Amino acid sequence: MTIRVNFFLNGLGYGGTEKTAYLFAANLDCKVKVFTYEDADLTRLPQFRNVCEVGFINRKKPNWKDLEGCDILHTFRSGHREVPSPGSEVL
């Protein structure tokens, strides 16, 4: 049985949340897909592409349905008013 995990991250830079998602994808036997904004910090994009599938979301007109179809969904929320917010239809 394969567990499908989707991460929604604010970017693919050097932050702790990105590092956790990367280590999860690189070291666990599961199918991981990482989503981020098209215009985000993509510094570590090549590293992520080596260990998992990467999808992009348009910040101005997001299609949150892309995040569906998984067993576990982890969404990054820094505490600022970022979407998806609690109560959104995806969550």
PDB file of N, CA and C in Angstrom:
ATOM      1  N   MET A   1       0.847  -1.187   0.000  1.00  0.00           N
ATOM      2  CA  MET A   1       0.000   0.000   0.000  1.00  0.00           C
ATOM      3  C   MET A   1       0.883   1.239   0.000  1.00  0.00           C
ATOM      4  N   THR A   2       0.632   2.141  -0.907  1.00  0.00           N
ATOM      5  CA  THR A   2       1.393   3.381  -0.995  1.00  0.00           C
ATOM      6  C   THR A   2       0.596   4.516  -0.368  1.00  0.00           C
ATOM      7  N   ILE A   3       1.252   5.267   0.488  1.00  0.00           N
ATOM      8  CA  ILE A   3       0.632   6.448   1.091  1.00  0.00           C
ATOM      9  C   ILE A   3       0.995   7.649   0.231  1.00  0.00           C
ATOM     10  N   ARG A   4      -0.006   8.419  -0.167  1.00  0.00           N
ATOM     11  CA  ARG A   4       0.205   9.607  -0.986  1.00  0.00           C
ATOM     12  C   ARG A   4       0.146  10.843  -0.097  1.00  0.00           C
ATOM     13  N   VAL A   5       1.218  11.612  -0.121  1.00  0.00           N
ATOM     14  CA  VAL A   5       1.320  12.803   0.721  1.00  0.00           C
ATOM     15  C   VAL A   5       1.498  14.024  -0.173  1.00  0.00           C
ATOM     16  N   ASN A   6       0.666  15.037   0.020  1.00  0.00           N
ATOM     17  CA  ASN A   6       0.805  16.309  -0.685  1.00  0.00           C
ATOM     18  C   ASN A   6       1.213  17.378   0.317  1.00  0.00           C
ATOM     19  N   PHE A   7       2.235  18.138  -0.026  1.00  0.00           N
ATOM     20  CA  PHE A   7       2.662  19.281   0.757  1.00  0.00           C
ATOM     21  C   PHE A   7       2.327  20.538  -0.026  1.00  0.00           C
ATOM     22  N   PHE A   8       1.755  21.538   0.644  1.00  0.00           N
ATOM     23  CA  PHE A   8       1.607  22.855   0.040  1.00  0.00           C
ATOM     24  C   PHE A   8       2.537  23.782   0.801  1.00  0.00           C
ATOM     25  N   LEU A   9       3.555  24.288   0.125  1.00  0.00           N
ATOM     26  CA  LEU A   9       4.565  25.139   0.752  1.00  0.00           C
ATOM     27  C   LEU A   9       4.519  26.530   0.150  1.00  0.00           C
ATOM     28  N   ASN A  10       4.914  27.519   0.937  1.00  0.00           N
ATOM     29  CA  ASN A  10       4.938  28.894   0.476  1.00  0.00           C
ATOM     30  C   ASN A  10       6.055  29.137  -0.539  1.00  0.00           C
ATOM     31  N   GLY A  11       7.027  28.273  -0.580  1.00  0.00           N
ATOM     32  CA  GLY A  11       8.150  28.370  -1.507  1.00  0.00           C
ATOM     33  C   GLY A  11       9.037  27.151  -1.337  1.00  0.00           C
ATOM     34  N   LEU A  12      10.096  27.076  -2.135  1.00  0.00           N
ATOM     35  CA  LEU A  12      11.059  25.978  -2.020  1.00  0.00           C
ATOM     36  C   LEU A  12      12.439  26.557  -1.725  1.00  0.00           C
ATOM     37  N   GLY A  13      12.483  27.391  -0.689  1.00  0.00           N
ATOM     38  CA  GLY A  13      13.734  28.022  -0.284  1.00  0.00           C
ATOM     39  C   GLY A  13      14.445  27.192   0.763  1.00  0.00           C
ATOM     40  N   TYR A  14      15.051  27.852   1.733  1.00  0.00           N
ATOM     41  CA  TYR A  14      15.862  27.175   2.737  1.00  0.00           C
ATOM     42  C   TYR A  14      15.230  27.137   4.120  1.00  0.00           C
ATOM     43  N   GLY A  15      13.930  27.367   4.214  1.00  0.00           N
ATOM     44  CA  GLY A  15      13.257  27.371   5.505  1.00  0.00           C
ATOM     45  C   GLY A  15      13.103  25.987   6.101  1.00  0.00           C
ATOM     46  N   GLY A  16      12.726  25.957   7.364  1.00  0.00           N
ATOM     47  CA  GLY A  16      12.567  24.703   8.089  1.00  0.00           C
ATOM     48  C   GLY A  16      11.433  23.841   7.563  1.00  0.00           C
ATOM     49  N   THR A  17      10.333  24.460   7.147  1.00  0.00           N
ATOM     50  CA  THR A  17       9.213  23.692   6.617  1.00  0.00           C
ATOM     51  C   THR A  17       9.610  23.005   5.317  1.00  0.00           C
ATOM     52  N   GLU A  18      10.329  23.717   4.458  1.00  0.00           N
ATOM     53  CA  GLU A  18      10.798  23.135   3.205  1.00  0.00           C
ATOM     54  C   GLU A  18      11.774  21.989   3.478  1.00  0.00           C
ATOM     55  N   LYS A  19      12.668  22.181   4.449  1.00  0.00           N
ATOM     56  CA  LYS A  19      13.629  21.130   4.787  1.00  0.00           C
ATOM     57  C   LYS A  19      12.909  19.877   5.284  1.00  0.00           C
ATOM     58  N   THR A  20      11.903  20.060   6.114  1.00  0.00           N
ATOM     59  CA  THR A  20      11.137  18.922   6.623  1.00  0.00           C
ATOM     60  C   THR A  20      10.453  18.181   5.476  1.00  0.00           C
ATOM     61  N   ALA A  21       9.833  18.899   4.555  1.00  0.00           N
ATOM     62  CA  ALA A  21       9.169  18.264   3.412  1.00  0.00           C
ATOM     63  C   ALA A  21      10.176  17.519   2.554  1.00  0.00           C
ATOM     64  N   TYR A  22      11.333  18.122   2.336  1.00  0.00           N
ATOM     65  CA  TYR A  22      12.369  17.480   1.523  1.00  0.00           C
ATOM     66  C   TYR A  22      12.848  16.184   2.173  1.00  0.00           C
ATOM     67  N   LEU A  23      13.149  16.227   3.465  1.00  0.00           N
ATOM     68  CA  LEU A  23      13.614  15.030   4.161  1.00  0.00           C
ATOM     69  C   LEU A  23      12.551  13.941   4.170  1.00  0.00           C
ATOM     70  N   PHE A  24      11.313  14.325   4.316  1.00  0.00           N
ATOM     71  CA  PHE A  24      10.196  13.383   4.277  1.00  0.00           C
ATOM     72  C   PHE A  24      10.168  12.676   2.922  1.00  0.00           C
ATOM     73  N   ALA A  25      10.261  13.448   1.841  1.00  0.00           N
ATOM     74  CA  ALA A  25      10.215  12.875   0.498  1.00  0.00           C
ATOM     75  C   ALA A  25      11.438  12.015   0.203  1.00  0.00           C
ATOM     76  N   ALA A  26      12.593  12.437   0.688  1.00  0.00           N
ATOM     77  CA  ALA A  26      13.831  11.729   0.375  1.00  0.00           C
ATOM     78  C   ALA A  26      14.013  10.438   1.155  1.00  0.00           C
ATOM     79  N   ASN A  27      13.401  10.322   2.333  1.00  0.00           N
ATOM     80  CA  ASN A  27      13.727   9.206   3.212  1.00  0.00           C
ATOM     81  C   ASN A  27      12.598   8.246   3.535  1.00  0.00           C
ATOM     82  N   LEU A  28      11.376   8.551   3.154  1.00  0.00           N
ATOM     83  CA  LEU A  28      10.277   7.653   3.469  1.00  0.00           C
ATOM     84  C   LEU A  28       9.735   6.997   2.208  1.00  0.00           C
ATOM     85  N   ASP A  29       9.267   5.792   2.355  1.00  0.00           N
ATOM     86  CA  ASP A  29       8.744   5.040   1.228  1.00  0.00           C
ATOM     87  C   ASP A  29       7.275   5.383   1.014  1.00  0.00           C
ATOM     88  N   CYS A  30       7.031   6.515   0.376  1.00  0.00           N
ATOM     89  CA  CYS A  30       5.675   6.944   0.076  1.00  0.00           C
ATOM     90  C   CYS A  30       5.730   7.847  -1.156  1.00  0.00           C
ATOM     91  N   LYS A  31       4.589   8.107  -1.720  1.00  0.00           N
ATOM     92  CA  LYS A  31       4.516   8.982  -2.890  1.00  0.00           C
ATOM     93  C   LYS A  31       4.280  10.404  -2.410  1.00  0.00           C
ATOM     94  N   VAL A  32       5.228  11.283  -2.687  1.00  0.00           N
ATOM     95  CA  VAL A  32       5.144  12.665  -2.208  1.00  0.00           C
ATOM     96  C   VAL A  32       5.054  13.616  -3.398  1.00  0.00           C
ATOM     97  N   LYS A  33       4.125  14.558  -3.292  1.00  0.00           N
ATOM     98  CA  LYS A  33       4.025  15.634  -4.272  1.00  0.00           C
ATOM     99  C   LYS A  33       4.051  16.945  -3.498  1.00  0.00           C
ATOM    100  N   VAL A  34       4.868  17.870  -3.959  1.00  0.00           N
ATOM    101  CA  VAL A  34       5.010  19.171  -3.318  1.00  0.00           C
ATOM    102  C   VAL A  34       4.438  20.235  -4.249  1.00  0.00           C
ATOM    103  N   PHE A  35       3.595  21.098  -3.705  1.00  0.00           N
ATOM    104  CA  PHE A  35       3.020  22.209  -4.455  1.00  0.00           C
ATOM    105  C   PHE A  35       3.536  23.513  -3.882  1.00  0.00           C
ATOM    106  N   THR A  36       3.774  24.468  -4.735  1.00  0.00           N
ATOM    107  CA  THR A  36       4.137  25.800  -4.303  1.00  0.00           C
ATOM    108  C   THR A  36       3.643  26.798  -5.341  1.00  0.00           C
ATOM    109  N   TYR A  37       3.767  28.072  -5.022  1.00  0.00           N
ATOM    110  CA  TYR A  37       3.345  29.113  -5.954  1.00  0.00           C
ATOM    111  C   TYR A  37       4.330  29.228  -7.121  1.00  0.00           C
ATOM    112  N   GLU A  38       3.813  29.564  -8.293  1.00  0.00           N
ATOM    113  CA  GLU A  38       4.652  29.729  -9.480  1.00  0.00           C
ATOM    114  C   GLU A  38       5.702  30.817  -9.293  1.00  0.00           C
ATOM    115  N   ASP A  39       5.359  31.857  -8.526  1.00  0.00           N
ATOM    116  CA  ASP A  39       6.259  32.999  -8.350  1.00  0.00           C
ATOM    117  C   ASP A  39       6.974  32.986  -7.000  1.00  0.00           C
ATOM    118  N   ALA A  40       7.075  31.819  -6.385  1.00  0.00           N
ATOM    119  CA  ALA A  40       7.700  31.701  -5.062  1.00  0.00           C
ATOM    120  C   ALA A  40       9.222  31.609  -5.165  1.00  0.00           C
ATOM    121  N   ASP A  41       9.873  31.582  -4.024  1.00  0.00           N
ATOM    122  CA  ASP A  41      11.314  31.329  -3.962  1.00  0.00           C
ATOM    123  C   ASP A  41      11.523  29.862  -4.347  1.00  0.00           C
ATOM    124  N   LEU A  42      12.176  29.620  -5.468  1.00  0.00           N
ATOM    125  CA  LEU A  42      12.368  28.255  -5.977  1.00  0.00           C
ATOM    126  C   LEU A  42      13.829  27.820  -5.908  1.00  0.00           C
ATOM    127  N   THR A  43      14.565  28.347  -4.946  1.00  0.00           N
ATOM    128  CA  THR A  43      15.988  28.071  -4.808  1.00  0.00           C
ATOM    129  C   THR A  43      16.307  26.578  -4.803  1.00  0.00           C
ATOM    130  N   ARG A  44      15.499  25.794  -4.100  1.00  0.00           N
ATOM    131  CA  ARG A  44      15.793  24.367  -3.967  1.00  0.00           C
ATOM    132  C   ARG A  44      14.966  23.483  -4.906  1.00  0.00           C
ATOM    133  N   LEU A  45      14.376  24.074  -5.934  1.00  0.00           N
ATOM    134  CA  LEU A  45      13.555  23.308  -6.868  1.00  0.00           C
ATOM    135  C   LEU A  45      14.294  22.092  -7.450  1.00  0.00           C
ATOM    136  N   PRO A  46      15.543  22.219  -7.915  1.00  0.00           N
ATOM    137  CA  PRO A  46      16.227  21.033  -8.457  1.00  0.00           C
ATOM    138  C   PRO A  46      16.351  19.899  -7.437  1.00  0.00           C
ATOM    139  N   GLN A  47      16.614  20.229  -6.177  1.00  0.00           N
ATOM    140  CA  GLN A  47      16.705  19.205  -5.143  1.00  0.00           C
ATOM    141  C   GLN A  47      15.371  18.496  -4.971  1.00  0.00           C
ATOM    142  N   PHE A  48      14.293  19.257  -4.901  1.00  0.00           N
ATOM    143  CA  PHE A  48      12.971  18.669  -4.729  1.00  0.00           C
ATOM    144  C   PHE A  48      12.613  17.771  -5.906  1.00  0.00           C
ATOM    145  N   ARG A  49      12.948  18.198  -7.107  1.00  0.00           N
ATOM    146  CA  ARG A  49      12.619  17.391  -8.288  1.00  0.00           C
ATOM    147  C   ARG A  49      13.364  16.057  -8.298  1.00  0.00           C
ATOM    148  N   ASN A  50      14.464  15.960  -7.570  1.00  0.00           N
ATOM    149  CA  ASN A  50      15.205  14.696  -7.477  1.00  0.00           C
ATOM    150  C   ASN A  50      14.499  13.673  -6.608  1.00  0.00           C
ATOM    151  N   VAL A  51      13.634  14.104  -5.695  1.00  0.00           N
ATOM    152  CA  VAL A  51      13.033  13.169  -4.739  1.00  0.00           C
ATOM    153  C   VAL A  51      11.509  13.089  -4.808  1.00  0.00           C
ATOM    154  N   CYS A  52      10.856  14.023  -5.502  1.00  0.00           N
ATOM    155  CA  CYS A  52       9.396  13.987  -5.546  1.00  0.00           C
ATOM    156  C   CYS A  52       8.878  14.774  -6.749  1.00  0.00           C
ATOM    157  N   GLU A  53       7.593  14.684  -6.945  1.00  0.00           N
ATOM    158  CA  GLU A  53       6.942  15.439  -8.004  1.00  0.00           C
ATOM    159  C   GLU A  53       6.641  16.844  -7.480  1.00  0.00           C
ATOM    160  N   VAL A  54       6.778  17.854  -8.336  1.00  0.00           N
ATOM    161  CA  VAL A  54       6.521  19.237  -7.946  1.00  0.00           C
ATOM    162  C   VAL A  54       5.411  19.809  -8.826  1.00  0.00           C
ATOM    163  N   GLY A  55       4.427  20.434  -8.185  1.00  0.00           N
ATOM    164  CA  GLY A  55       3.345  21.093  -8.906  1.00  0.00           C
ATOM    165  C   GLY A  55       3.308  22.565  -8.545  1.00  0.00           C
ATOM    166  N   PHE A  56       2.795  23.384  -9.443  1.00  0.00           N
ATOM    167  CA  PHE A  56       2.764  24.824  -9.215  1.00  0.00           C
ATOM    168  C   PHE A  56       1.332  25.343  -9.183  1.00  0.00           C
ATOM    169  N   ILE A  57       1.112  26.322  -8.326  1.00  0.00           N
ATOM    170  CA  ILE A  57      -0.196  26.950  -8.147  1.00  0.00           C
ATOM    171  C   ILE A  57      -0.053  28.443  -8.440  1.00  0.00           C
ATOM    172  N   ASN A  58      -0.996  28.976  -9.200  1.00  0.00           N
ATOM    173  CA  ASN A  58      -1.002  30.403  -9.502  1.00  0.00           C
ATOM    174  C   ASN A  58      -1.492  31.159  -8.272  1.00  0.00           C
ATOM    175  N   ARG A  59      -0.681  32.077  -7.782  1.00  0.00           N
ATOM    176  CA  ARG A  59      -1.005  32.804  -6.554  1.00  0.00           C
ATOM    177  C   ARG A  59      -2.278  33.649  -6.691  1.00  0.00           C
ATOM    178  N   LYS A  60      -2.497  34.244  -7.862  1.00  0.00           N
ATOM    179  CA  LYS A  60      -3.633  35.141  -8.039  1.00  0.00           C
ATOM    180  C   LYS A  60      -4.935  34.412  -8.350  1.00  0.00           C
ATOM    181  N   LYS A  61      -4.831  33.232  -8.921  1.00  0.00           N
ATOM    182  CA  LYS A  61      -6.027  32.455  -9.265  1.00  0.00           C
ATOM    183  C   LYS A  61      -5.740  30.978  -8.975  1.00  0.00           C
ATOM    184  N   PRO A  62      -5.659  30.638  -7.689  1.00  0.00           N
ATOM    185  CA  PRO A  62      -5.265  29.270  -7.329  1.00  0.00           C
ATOM    186  C   PRO A  62      -6.340  28.229  -7.632  1.00  0.00           C
ATOM    187  N   ASN A  63      -5.897  27.072  -8.044  1.00  0.00           N
ATOM    188  CA  ASN A  63      -6.789  25.936  -8.229  1.00  0.00           C
ATOM    189  C   ASN A  63      -6.485  24.950  -7.097  1.00  0.00           C
ATOM    190  N   TRP A  64      -7.206  25.051  -5.998  1.00  0.00           N
ATOM    191  CA  TRP A  64      -6.921  24.232  -4.812  1.00  0.00           C
ATOM    192  C   TRP A  64      -7.289  22.771  -5.022  1.00  0.00           C
ATOM    193  N   LYS A  65      -8.031  22.462  -6.068  1.00  0.00           N
ATOM    194  CA  LYS A  65      -8.379  21.065  -6.339  1.00  0.00           C
ATOM    195  C   LYS A  65      -7.132  20.240  -6.644  1.00  0.00           C
ATOM    196  N   ASP A  66      -6.047  20.888  -7.093  1.00  0.00           N
ATOM    197  CA  ASP A  66      -4.791  20.181  -7.352  1.00  0.00           C
ATOM    198  C   ASP A  66      -4.254  19.499  -6.096  1.00  0.00           C
ATOM    199  N   LEU A  67      -4.593  20.031  -4.921  1.00  0.00           N
ATOM    200  CA  LEU A  67      -4.080  19.474  -3.666  1.00  0.00           C
ATOM    201  C   LEU A  67      -4.824  18.216  -3.231  1.00  0.00           C
ATOM    202  N   GLU A  68      -5.942  17.920  -3.862  1.00  0.00           N
ATOM    203  CA  GLU A  68      -6.752  16.771  -3.464  1.00  0.00           C
ATOM    204  C   GLU A  68      -6.163  15.459  -3.992  1.00  0.00           C
ATOM    205  N   GLY A  69      -6.773  14.370  -3.607  1.00  0.00           N
ATOM    206  CA  GLY A  69      -6.364  13.063  -4.116  1.00  0.00           C
ATOM    207  C   GLY A  69      -5.174  12.480  -3.388  1.00  0.00           C
ATOM    208  N   CYS A  70      -5.068  12.754  -2.115  1.00  0.00           N
ATOM    209  CA  CYS A  70      -3.951  12.233  -1.335  1.00  0.00           C
ATOM    210  C   CYS A  70      -4.478  11.682  -0.016  1.00  0.00           C
ATOM    211  N   ASP A  71      -3.621  10.965   0.697  1.00  0.00           N
ATOM    212  CA  ASP A  71      -3.987  10.443   2.011  1.00  0.00           C
ATOM    213  C   ASP A  71      -3.684  11.456   3.118  1.00  0.00           C
ATOM    214  N   ILE A  72      -2.614  12.214   2.931  1.00  0.00           N
ATOM    215  CA  ILE A  72      -2.207  13.224   3.914  1.00  0.00           C
ATOM    216  C   ILE A  72      -1.943  14.531   3.163  1.00  0.00           C
ATOM    217  N   LEU A  73      -2.497  15.625   3.661  1.00  0.00           N
ATOM    218  CA  LEU A  73      -2.239  16.953   3.094  1.00  0.00           C
ATOM    219  C   LEU A  73      -1.651  17.828   4.189  1.00  0.00           C
ATOM    220  N   HIS A  74      -0.427  18.311   3.971  1.00  0.00           N
ATOM    221  CA  HIS A  74       0.218  19.220   4.920  1.00  0.00           C
ATOM    222  C   HIS A  74       0.270  20.590   4.262  1.00  0.00           C
ATOM    223  N   THR A  75      -0.349  21.584   4.887  1.00  0.00           N
ATOM    224  CA  THR A  75      -0.323  22.938   4.337  1.00  0.00           C
ATOM    225  C   THR A  75       0.500  23.846   5.221  1.00  0.00           C
ATOM    226  N   PHE A  76       1.385  24.593   4.595  1.00  0.00           N
ATOM    227  CA  PHE A  76       2.206  25.573   5.284  1.00  0.00           C
ATOM    228  C   PHE A  76       1.360  26.803   5.542  1.00  0.00           C
ATOM    229  N   ARG A  77       1.447  27.303   6.736  1.00  0.00           N
ATOM    230  CA  ARG A  77       0.782  28.579   7.051  1.00  0.00           C
ATOM    231  C   ARG A  77       1.655  29.305   8.051  1.00  0.00           C
ATOM    232  N   SER A  78       2.224  30.403   7.639  1.00  0.00           N
ATOM    233  CA  SER A  78       3.221  31.090   8.451  1.00  0.00           C
ATOM    234  C   SER A  78       2.631  31.941   9.567  1.00  0.00           C
ATOM    235  N   GLY A  79       1.338  32.095   9.589  1.00  0.00           N
ATOM    236  CA  GLY A  79       0.727  32.978  10.572  1.00  0.00           C
ATOM    237  C   GLY A  79       0.242  34.273   9.941  1.00  0.00           C
ATOM    238  N   HIS A  80       0.713  34.540   8.727  1.00  0.00           N
ATOM    239  CA  HIS A  80       0.205  35.689   7.984  1.00  0.00           C
ATOM    240  C   HIS A  80      -1.094  35.277   7.317  1.00  0.00           C
ATOM    241  N   ARG A  81      -1.750  36.199   6.707  1.00  0.00           N
ATOM    242  CA  ARG A  81      -3.007  35.874   6.013  1.00  0.00           C
ATOM    243  C   ARG A  81      -2.693  35.282   4.646  1.00  0.00           C
ATOM    244  N   GLU A  82      -2.366  34.017   4.655  1.00  0.00           N
ATOM    245  CA  GLU A  82      -2.061  33.297   3.424  1.00  0.00           C
ATOM    246  C   GLU A  82      -3.130  32.246   3.192  1.00  0.00           C
ATOM    247  N   VAL A  83      -3.401  31.965   1.951  1.00  0.00           N
ATOM    248  CA  VAL A  83      -4.360  30.904   1.629  1.00  0.00           C
ATOM    249  C   VAL A  83      -3.579  29.623   1.365  1.00  0.00           C
ATOM    250  N   PRO A  84      -4.096  28.430   1.579  1.00  0.00           N
ATOM    251  CA  PRO A  84      -5.446  28.203   2.067  1.00  0.00           C
ATOM    252  C   PRO A  84      -5.563  28.503   3.554  1.00  0.00           C
ATOM    253  N   SER A  85      -6.669  29.073   3.937  1.00  0.00           N
ATOM    254  CA  SER A  85      -6.883  29.443   5.328  1.00  0.00           C
ATOM    255  C   SER A  85      -7.812  28.427   5.995  1.00  0.00           C
ATOM    256  N   PRO A  86      -7.838  28.398   7.314  1.00  0.00           N
ATOM    257  CA  PRO A  86      -8.739  27.454   7.986  1.00  0.00           C
ATOM    258  C   PRO A  86     -10.173  27.639   7.508  1.00  0.00           C
ATOM    259  N   GLY A  87     -10.824  26.521   7.239  1.00  0.00           N
ATOM    260  CA  GLY A  87     -12.195  26.576   6.780  1.00  0.00           C
ATOM    261  C   GLY A  87     -12.325  26.558   5.257  1.00  0.00           C
ATOM    262  N   SER A  88     -11.207  26.551   4.544  1.00  0.00           N
ATOM    263  CA  SER A  88     -11.324  26.495   3.084  1.00  0.00           C
ATOM    264  C   SER A  88     -11.840  25.128   2.682  1.00  0.00           C
ATOM    265  N   GLU A  89     -12.395  25.034   1.500  1.00  0.00           N
ATOM    266  CA  GLU A  89     -13.023  23.793   1.086  1.00  0.00           C
ATOM    267  C   GLU A  89     -12.033  22.649   0.919  1.00  0.00           C
ATOM    268  N   VAL A  90     -10.760  22.954   0.714  1.00  0.00           N
ATOM    269  CA  VAL A  90      -9.761  21.890   0.568  1.00  0.00           C
ATOM    270  C   VAL A  90      -9.496  21.215   1.881  1.00  0.00           C
ATOM    271  N   LEU A  91      -9.454  22.009   2.970  1.00  0.00           N
ATOM    272  CA  LEU A  91      -9.136  21.464   4.266  1.00  0.00           C
ATOM    273  C   LEU A  91     -10.340  20.755   4.804  1.00  0.00           C
TER     274      LEU A  91
END
